[in-house]
Every structure is written in C-alpha cells, then in structure tokens.
Amino acid sequence: MNKFFKIAATAVVAMTASANALAADHNLTISSWTGPGHGINAIMWPNLIKMIEEATDGKVTAEVKLGLAPPPAQMDLVMDGAADMTIIFHGYQPGRFVGTKLIELPGYEGNAEAASVAYWRVHEAHLASLNEHRGVKLMGLTTHGPGQIHSNKEVSTLADLNGLKTRIGGGVAGDVGAELGLIGIQVPAPKVYETLDSDAADAVAMPYEGRKGFKLTEVAENVFEMPGGFYRGSFAFLMSQETFDSLPADIQKALNEKVFGEPASRMLGAAWDEIDEIGRAATLEAEGNSITIASDADQAAYGEIAKRVTDKILAELEAAGIDAQAAYEMVKAEMAAQ
C-alpha cells in the first residue's frame, strides 16, 4: 500500500510539473547533480520553483534534469547555455573562489538558515566586490549545517582521525582535514557511497543530511560529532545571465524583489536544517549506527585548530582585498541576530 501511494504521489508531482510547464510562458531547465531523493532535488528545487511561480503569477516555471554534467562543471554548463539554472558547491573548483570560504569557517554558532541569511548579507556588504560569480545571475547563497566525520571505523577521539582516509569535498574542509591529519580523498558527493562501500575511503566529511541523502547509514555506521561542526560548506544557486536578461522587465523585477537574494537564501538554509534533522533521525533509527560526541578536551583542542584555520582563511580574504575581520565579525553578528 505504501508503495502504491509513493507511485501515485510521484505521478501527481509529474503531472503538476507538466501542467505548470504548459501554462507558463517560460519553462526553464534546471541542471542538478545529486540523486532524485536528496534534499536538494526533493525540497530545495521544488521550493525555489514554487517561489518563482508565485512571484511571476505562473509565467515562469522550471523542470529539474539530472546528469547533464558532473558537479564541477555546473557553472560552466549554465554559462554555455546548456541549462538555465543550477547549484554549485564552491569547493569543487579550487582556486576559482576565495570569498566563499568565509562562511565555511568552523566555530560559527547557529543553524544553516541563520548562516545562509548572514552569508547573503555579508556577500552584499563585503564579498560582491570580488565578482566571483561573474557571467551568471546569482539567485542565492547557502551553507549546509555543521560538517561532521562519518566513518566505517570506530572513532571516539580527535586523535583517532589522524591517518584516516577521508573523502573531503574541498574548500575550508580541506584545511581542516590537513590539520586533523586526515588523508584526503577527493570525489564528488554522488560517488561517496561507492567510495566507502569499496573501502577506498574510511570516512567522509559531510553534514548529517548525508546520512539519508547519500545513504551513509549503510556504509559509514559511525559519526564523530563535533558540537558546532568541523566546518560548513558553501553553495550558490545560479541562473544563466542570458536567460535572466531574456525575461520581460516586470518578471525580472519580481524575481529580484521576491525571490533572489535573501528570500531564496533563507529558504535554502531552512531546507538544509530540515534534511539535517532527517539525517540525524535516520542515524538514531538505523541498526548498528552510533554517534559519538567529542569530549570537552577534544572540543577545546579543536578550538585551537579552528583558530589556526580561521586565521589562514581570513589572511586569504585580506589578500584578495576584503576587510576580512569586518566581514567575519558581520557573519557572527548576523547569525546571532537571527
């Protein structure tokens, strides 16, 4: 019976999407690289499409297509006109982004929604001058929840991480991994399951959402949780600038005022929080899975590591021409105000 309802629900969603596409003046193509059941495709894109449809009175809609390009190629895919919208993880393109590392620093207090709103505001105040998303229309900025270490080996202390073969996505997570003595393995998130399942890696650095979204409960039964997280991850939702410029002026205005920027960023952050909760609940329910909270001593030791990583990244931002300390303090203040 449950299977029947799932099939029926899927059919209703498909019919609704088709009906919306037929009714809209502009049906845009979204390129997405996570699996169909991941929160990005199950929650974030549907919510963003709904916001776009409501803001434009149904004149603009969009449909998600999977597998158009690997994760690192998504921004170029949109710039080349092969898709109208996409999501990128900044850490997949080392050297291309610097300012985006600010939100990835360890030690921020607050959930993904608060961090994503703060991220957009600090981008407008400090980071936009870097013009790191040139060539595309920036729809929203977001960060996932606190990143943790998920392993197929028992990890009960910070010292146990030393020498662990660990999939690290990039960005600040790479700096953190080096400080922890992790042996970094770089594969895109959709390849995490098979990498762990084949024992090519012992662990992965991810937020709790990966427990469900990438089925880590099956291949990484242990979670070593650092309160506040070891790091965060920076994402951008992008639209082709050519696509945006082709839309009528009234639609552009509606999207800019009602969807793009802080509204989209807030929604995306809240979605990360939702799927983090789902992932943590799945861990508690899964047979053989366990969560180990870092001890007070390990939390204090990691605080020293976090400070070194933060100083390093702020120096990179300063070298890029950003008032790094002011930007950093603004993130913390904005998160505290949420």
Protein backbone atom coordinates (compact mmCIF):
# COMPACT_ATOMS: atom_id res chain seq x y z
CA MET A 1 0.00 0.00 0.00
CA ASN A 2 2.82 2.41 0.86
CA LYS A 3 4.45 1.62 -2.46
CA PHE A 4 1.19 2.40 -4.25
CA PHE A 5 0.90 5.78 -2.54
CA LYS A 6 4.51 6.63 -3.38
CA ILE A 7 3.93 5.80 -7.05
CA ALA A 8 0.71 7.78 -7.07
CA ALA A 9 2.37 10.77 -5.39
CA THR A 10 5.20 10.69 -7.92
CA ALA A 11 2.68 10.65 -10.75
CA VAL A 12 0.81 13.64 -9.28
CA VAL A 13 4.06 15.62 -8.96
CA ALA A 14 4.98 14.79 -12.56
CA MET A 15 1.53 15.78 -13.84
CA THR A 16 1.61 19.01 -11.83
CA ALA A 17 5.04 19.89 -13.20
CA SER A 18 3.81 19.19 -16.74
CA ALA A 19 0.67 21.27 -16.21
CA ASN A 20 2.70 24.16 -14.86
CA ALA A 21 5.07 23.91 -17.81
CA LEU A 22 2.17 24.05 -20.27
CA ALA A 23 0.62 27.06 -18.54
CA ALA A 24 3.85 29.07 -18.17
CA ASP A 25 5.28 31.47 -20.72
CA HIS A 26 8.83 30.49 -19.77
CA ASN A 27 9.79 26.91 -18.83
CA LEU A 28 13.40 26.84 -17.64
CA THR A 29 15.77 23.88 -17.36
CA ILE A 30 17.48 23.15 -14.06
CA SER A 31 20.65 21.07 -14.02
CA SER A 32 21.14 19.20 -10.74
CA TRP A 33 23.82 16.68 -9.82
CA THR A 34 22.56 15.00 -6.65
CA GLY A 35 20.25 11.98 -6.68
CA PRO A 36 16.48 12.40 -7.01
CA GLY A 37 15.90 11.62 -3.33
CA HIS A 38 18.45 14.10 -1.99
CA GLY A 39 17.11 17.20 -0.26
CA ILE A 40 18.44 19.48 -2.99
CA ASN A 41 16.11 17.84 -5.50
CA ALA A 42 13.36 16.75 -3.12
CA ILE A 43 13.00 20.03 -1.19
CA MET A 44 15.19 22.93 -2.37
CA TRP A 45 14.47 23.00 -6.08
CA PRO A 46 10.70 22.39 -5.65
CA ASN A 47 10.55 25.21 -3.09
CA LEU A 48 12.51 27.56 -5.33
CA ILE A 49 10.33 26.70 -8.33
CA LYS A 50 7.25 27.44 -6.22
CA MET A 51 8.69 30.82 -5.17
CA ILE A 52 9.42 31.66 -8.82
CA GLU A 53 5.95 30.64 -9.97
CA GLU A 54 4.24 32.64 -7.21
CA ALA A 55 6.37 35.73 -7.84
CA THR A 56 5.66 35.67 -11.58
CA ASP A 57 1.97 34.66 -11.41
CA GLY A 58 2.83 31.36 -13.07
CA LYS A 59 4.53 32.94 -16.07
CA VAL A 60 7.86 31.28 -15.21
CA THR A 61 8.41 27.71 -14.09
CA ALA A 62 11.22 25.19 -14.30
CA GLU A 63 11.94 21.47 -14.50
CA VAL A 64 14.86 19.59 -12.95
CA LYS A 65 17.07 17.41 -15.14
CA LEU A 66 19.73 15.14 -13.68
CA GLY A 67 23.05 14.01 -15.05
CA LEU A 68 23.69 16.82 -17.53
CA ALA A 69 27.23 17.36 -16.24
CA PRO A 70 29.45 16.43 -13.28
CA PRO A 71 29.35 18.72 -10.20
CA PRO A 72 32.49 20.79 -11.00
CA ALA A 73 31.15 21.64 -14.49
CA GLN A 74 27.78 23.06 -13.44
CA MET A 75 28.63 26.76 -13.54
CA ASP A 76 30.22 26.47 -16.97
CA LEU A 77 27.20 24.46 -18.14
CA VAL A 78 24.91 27.39 -17.33
CA MET A 79 27.33 29.95 -18.75
CA ASP A 80 27.38 27.96 -22.01
CA GLY A 81 23.58 27.96 -22.19
CA ALA A 82 23.13 24.18 -21.81
CA ALA A 83 20.88 24.79 -18.78
CA ASP A 84 19.14 27.80 -17.29
CA MET A 85 19.76 27.18 -13.58
CA THR A 86 21.98 25.07 -11.36
CA ILE A 87 23.51 24.67 -7.91
CA ILE A 88 27.27 24.67 -7.37
CA PHE A 89 29.45 23.70 -4.43
CA HIS A 90 32.29 26.23 -4.44
CA GLY A 91 34.83 23.77 -3.04
CA TYR A 92 34.68 21.66 -6.20
CA GLN A 93 36.53 24.38 -8.11
CA PRO A 94 39.70 25.16 -6.12
CA GLY A 95 41.27 28.50 -6.97
CA ARG A 96 38.13 29.90 -8.55
CA PHE A 97 36.53 31.15 -5.33
CA VAL A 98 38.06 32.79 -2.25
CA GLY A 99 35.37 34.92 -0.63
CA THR A 100 33.02 31.93 -0.39
CA LYS A 101 35.35 30.32 2.17
CA LEU A 102 34.25 32.85 4.78
CA ILE A 103 31.01 31.04 5.56
CA GLU A 104 32.76 27.67 5.72
CA LEU A 105 34.87 28.52 8.77
CA PRO A 106 34.44 26.41 11.91
CA GLY A 107 33.18 27.98 15.10
CA TYR A 108 30.05 29.83 13.95
CA GLU A 109 27.11 29.38 16.32
CA GLY A 110 23.74 28.85 14.68
CA ASN A 111 21.87 26.72 12.19
CA ALA A 112 22.05 26.69 8.39
CA GLU A 113 19.16 29.11 7.97
CA ALA A 114 20.82 31.75 10.15
CA ALA A 115 24.16 31.15 8.44
CA SER A 116 22.65 31.40 4.95
CA VAL A 117 20.91 34.71 5.69
CA ALA A 118 24.13 36.05 7.21
CA TYR A 119 26.02 34.77 4.16
CA TRP A 120 23.85 36.74 1.75
CA ARG A 121 24.05 39.91 3.82
CA VAL A 122 27.84 39.75 4.18
CA HIS A 123 28.12 39.00 0.47
CA GLU A 124 26.22 42.18 -0.34
CA ALA A 125 28.28 44.22 2.13
CA HIS A 126 31.76 42.78 1.57
CA LEU A 127 32.13 39.90 -0.91
CA ALA A 128 30.24 41.06 -4.01
CA SER A 129 33.16 43.30 -4.98
CA LEU A 130 35.20 40.17 -5.75
CA ASN A 131 32.74 39.42 -8.59
CA GLU A 132 33.41 35.70 -8.24
CA HIS A 133 30.12 34.72 -9.89
CA ARG A 134 30.69 36.86 -12.96
CA GLY A 135 28.95 35.61 -16.07
CA VAL A 136 25.89 34.27 -14.22
CA LYS A 137 22.95 35.61 -12.23
CA LEU A 138 23.35 34.82 -8.54
CA MET A 139 19.99 33.67 -7.18
CA GLY A 140 21.01 32.74 -3.65
CA LEU A 141 23.84 31.70 -1.36
CA THR A 142 23.60 29.00 1.26
CA THR A 143 25.58 26.75 3.54
CA HIS A 144 24.78 23.30 4.82
CA GLY A 145 24.69 22.52 8.51
CA PRO A 146 27.74 21.68 10.61
CA GLY A 147 30.01 19.17 8.88
CA GLN A 148 30.88 16.02 10.83
CA ILE A 149 33.04 12.92 10.29
CA HIS A 150 31.22 9.75 9.24
CA SER A 151 33.34 6.59 9.26
CA ASN A 152 33.24 2.84 8.73
CA LYS A 153 35.79 2.55 11.54
CA GLU A 154 35.23 3.39 15.18
CA VAL A 155 36.29 6.95 16.04
CA SER A 156 35.96 8.03 19.65
CA THR A 157 38.61 10.77 19.98
CA LEU A 158 40.11 13.53 17.88
CA ALA A 159 43.37 11.56 17.79
CA ASP A 160 41.58 8.64 16.05
CA LEU A 161 41.12 10.84 12.98
CA ASN A 162 44.84 11.02 12.28
CA GLY A 163 45.65 8.95 9.19
CA LEU A 164 42.02 8.20 8.33
CA LYS A 165 41.42 8.03 4.56
CA THR A 166 38.63 10.56 4.25
CA ARG A 167 36.59 11.94 1.37
CA ILE A 168 36.80 15.74 1.67
CA GLY A 169 34.72 17.94 -0.60
CA GLY A 170 37.09 20.90 -0.81
CA GLY A 171 37.20 24.46 0.43
CA VAL A 172 37.82 25.01 4.14
CA ALA A 173 37.10 21.32 4.79
CA GLY A 174 40.45 20.63 3.11
CA ASP A 175 42.28 22.94 5.51
CA VAL A 176 40.53 21.34 8.45
CA GLY A 177 41.37 17.85 7.19
CA ALA A 178 45.05 18.72 6.89
CA GLU A 179 45.10 20.00 10.48
CA LEU A 180 43.41 16.82 11.71
CA GLY A 181 45.86 14.56 9.87
CA LEU A 182 43.21 13.15 7.55
CA ILE A 183 44.37 11.61 4.28
CA GLY A 184 42.19 13.48 1.82
CA ILE A 185 40.36 11.70 -0.99
CA GLN A 186 38.54 13.96 -3.42
CA VAL A 187 35.46 12.52 -5.10
CA PRO A 188 32.13 14.28 -5.81
CA ALA A 189 29.36 13.72 -3.28
CA PRO A 190 27.35 11.37 -5.55
CA LYS A 191 30.35 8.97 -5.52
CA VAL A 192 30.64 8.84 -1.72
CA TYR A 193 28.58 5.68 -1.24
CA GLU A 194 30.60 3.54 -3.62
CA THR A 195 33.89 5.02 -2.38
CA LEU A 196 33.11 3.95 1.18
CA ASP A 197 31.48 0.69 0.15
CA SER A 198 34.61 -0.35 -1.76
CA ASP A 199 36.86 0.61 1.19
CA ALA A 200 38.64 3.17 -0.97
CA ALA A 201 37.93 5.52 1.94
CA ASP A 202 37.50 5.05 5.68
CA ALA A 203 35.39 8.12 6.25
CA VAL A 204 33.69 11.14 4.76
CA ALA A 205 33.32 14.74 5.94
CA MET A 206 29.68 15.78 5.50
CA PRO A 207 26.75 17.26 7.40
CA TYR A 208 24.11 14.96 8.86
CA GLU A 209 21.95 15.24 5.74
CA GLY A 210 24.30 12.78 4.03
CA ARG A 211 23.16 10.04 6.42
CA LYS A 212 19.92 9.94 4.44
CA GLY A 213 20.69 11.76 1.19
CA PHE A 214 23.75 9.64 0.37
CA LYS A 215 22.77 6.54 2.40
CA LEU A 216 25.72 6.83 4.78
CA THR A 217 23.84 4.81 7.38
CA GLU A 218 24.70 1.78 5.22
CA VAL A 219 28.42 2.39 4.63
CA ALA A 220 29.59 4.67 7.47
CA GLU A 221 27.91 3.49 10.63
CA ASN A 222 29.85 5.77 12.98
CA VAL A 223 29.53 9.53 13.40
CA PHE A 224 32.10 11.57 15.31
CA GLU A 225 30.25 14.75 16.12
CA MET A 226 31.99 18.00 16.97
CA PRO A 227 29.42 20.38 18.51
CA GLY A 228 29.11 23.29 16.09
CA GLY A 229 30.72 21.18 13.38
CA PHE A 230 34.21 20.81 11.95
CA TYR A 231 33.34 23.17 9.06
CA ARG A 232 30.47 24.27 6.79
CA GLY A 233 30.07 24.12 3.02
CA SER A 234 29.36 26.96 0.60
CA PHE A 235 26.82 26.68 -2.24
CA ALA A 236 25.37 29.05 -4.82
CA PHE A 237 22.16 28.76 -6.84
CA LEU A 238 22.75 30.28 -10.26
CA MET A 239 20.78 31.33 -13.33
CA SER A 240 22.12 31.93 -16.79
CA GLN A 241 22.58 35.68 -17.19
CA GLU A 242 21.42 35.37 -20.78
CA THR A 243 18.23 33.62 -19.63
CA PHE A 244 17.56 36.25 -16.99
CA ASP A 245 18.16 39.10 -19.45
CA SER A 246 15.73 37.49 -21.92
CA LEU A 247 12.84 37.65 -19.44
CA PRO A 248 10.44 40.62 -19.56
CA ALA A 249 11.35 43.55 -17.33
CA ASP A 250 8.38 43.05 -14.99
CA ILE A 251 9.36 39.43 -14.41
CA GLN A 252 12.98 40.36 -13.77
CA LYS A 253 11.79 42.91 -11.20
CA ALA A 254 9.53 40.37 -9.47
CA LEU A 255 12.28 37.79 -9.25
CA ASN A 256 14.81 40.27 -7.91
CA GLU A 257 12.42 41.63 -5.28
CA LYS A 258 10.58 38.49 -4.17
CA VAL A 259 12.86 35.51 -4.82
CA PHE A 260 16.53 36.15 -5.47
CA GLY A 261 18.91 37.11 -2.72
CA GLU A 262 17.89 36.87 0.91
CA PRO A 263 14.46 35.19 0.41
CA ALA A 264 15.97 32.30 -1.57
CA SER A 265 18.98 32.07 0.75
CA ARG A 266 16.77 31.84 3.84
CA MET A 267 14.60 29.12 2.29
CA LEU A 268 17.64 27.11 1.21
CA GLY A 269 19.23 27.30 4.65
CA ALA A 270 15.99 26.19 6.31
CA ALA A 271 15.88 23.23 3.91
CA TRP A 272 19.42 22.20 4.93
CA ASP A 273 18.29 22.28 8.57
CA GLU A 274 15.30 20.11 7.71
CA ILE A 275 17.34 17.46 5.93
CA ASP A 276 19.98 17.52 8.66
CA GLU A 277 17.26 16.60 11.16
CA ILE A 278 16.08 13.82 8.86
CA GLY A 279 19.64 12.50 8.55
CA ARG A 280 20.30 12.54 12.28
CA ALA A 281 16.99 10.81 12.97
CA ALA A 282 17.84 8.16 10.37
CA THR A 283 21.14 7.54 12.17
CA LEU A 284 19.45 7.05 15.53
CA GLU A 285 16.98 4.64 13.96
CA ALA A 286 19.46 2.62 11.87
CA GLU A 287 20.69 -0.66 13.31
CA GLY A 288 24.40 -0.65 14.12
CA ASN A 289 24.77 3.13 13.77
CA SER A 290 26.26 5.24 16.56
CA ILE A 291 27.01 8.88 17.34
CA THR A 292 30.00 9.84 19.47
CA ILE A 293 30.08 13.42 20.78
CA ALA A 294 33.56 14.90 21.09
CA SER A 295 34.73 15.19 24.70
CA ASP A 296 35.26 18.56 26.36
CA ALA A 297 39.01 18.07 25.98
CA ASP A 298 38.68 17.31 22.27
CA GLN A 299 36.38 20.29 21.79
CA ALA A 300 38.98 22.54 23.40
CA ALA A 301 41.74 21.02 21.25
CA TYR A 302 39.67 21.53 18.12
CA GLY A 303 39.08 25.14 19.14
CA GLU A 304 42.81 25.73 18.70
CA ILE A 305 42.74 24.06 15.28
CA ALA A 306 39.72 26.14 14.27
CA LYS A 307 41.55 29.33 15.21
CA ARG A 308 44.53 28.42 13.01
CA VAL A 309 42.25 27.60 10.07
CA THR A 310 40.29 30.83 10.57
CA ASP A 311 43.45 32.95 10.68
CA LYS A 312 44.66 31.31 7.46
CA ILE A 313 41.41 31.90 5.56
CA LEU A 314 40.99 35.47 6.80
CA ALA A 315 44.51 36.18 5.54
CA GLU A 316 43.48 34.85 2.11
CA LEU A 317 40.45 37.14 2.07
CA GLU A 318 42.56 40.09 3.16
CA ALA A 319 44.99 39.40 0.32
CA ALA A 320 42.04 39.39 -2.09
CA GLY A 321 41.12 42.92 -0.99
CA ILE A 322 38.40 42.18 1.56
CA ASP A 323 38.21 43.69 5.04
CA ALA A 324 38.32 40.13 6.36
CA GLN A 325 37.92 40.81 10.06
CA ALA A 326 34.94 43.09 9.50
CA ALA A 327 33.31 40.51 7.23
CA TYR A 328 33.96 37.73 9.76
CA GLU A 329 32.51 39.75 12.62
CA MET A 330 29.47 40.59 10.49
CA VAL A 331 28.73 36.90 9.87
CA LYS A 332 28.81 36.19 13.61
CA ALA A 333 26.68 39.23 14.44
CA GLU A 334 24.08 38.47 11.78
CA MET A 335 23.83 34.84 12.85
CA ALA A 336 23.38 35.87 16.47
CA ALA A 337 20.59 38.24 15.46
CA GLN A 338 18.51 35.59 13.69
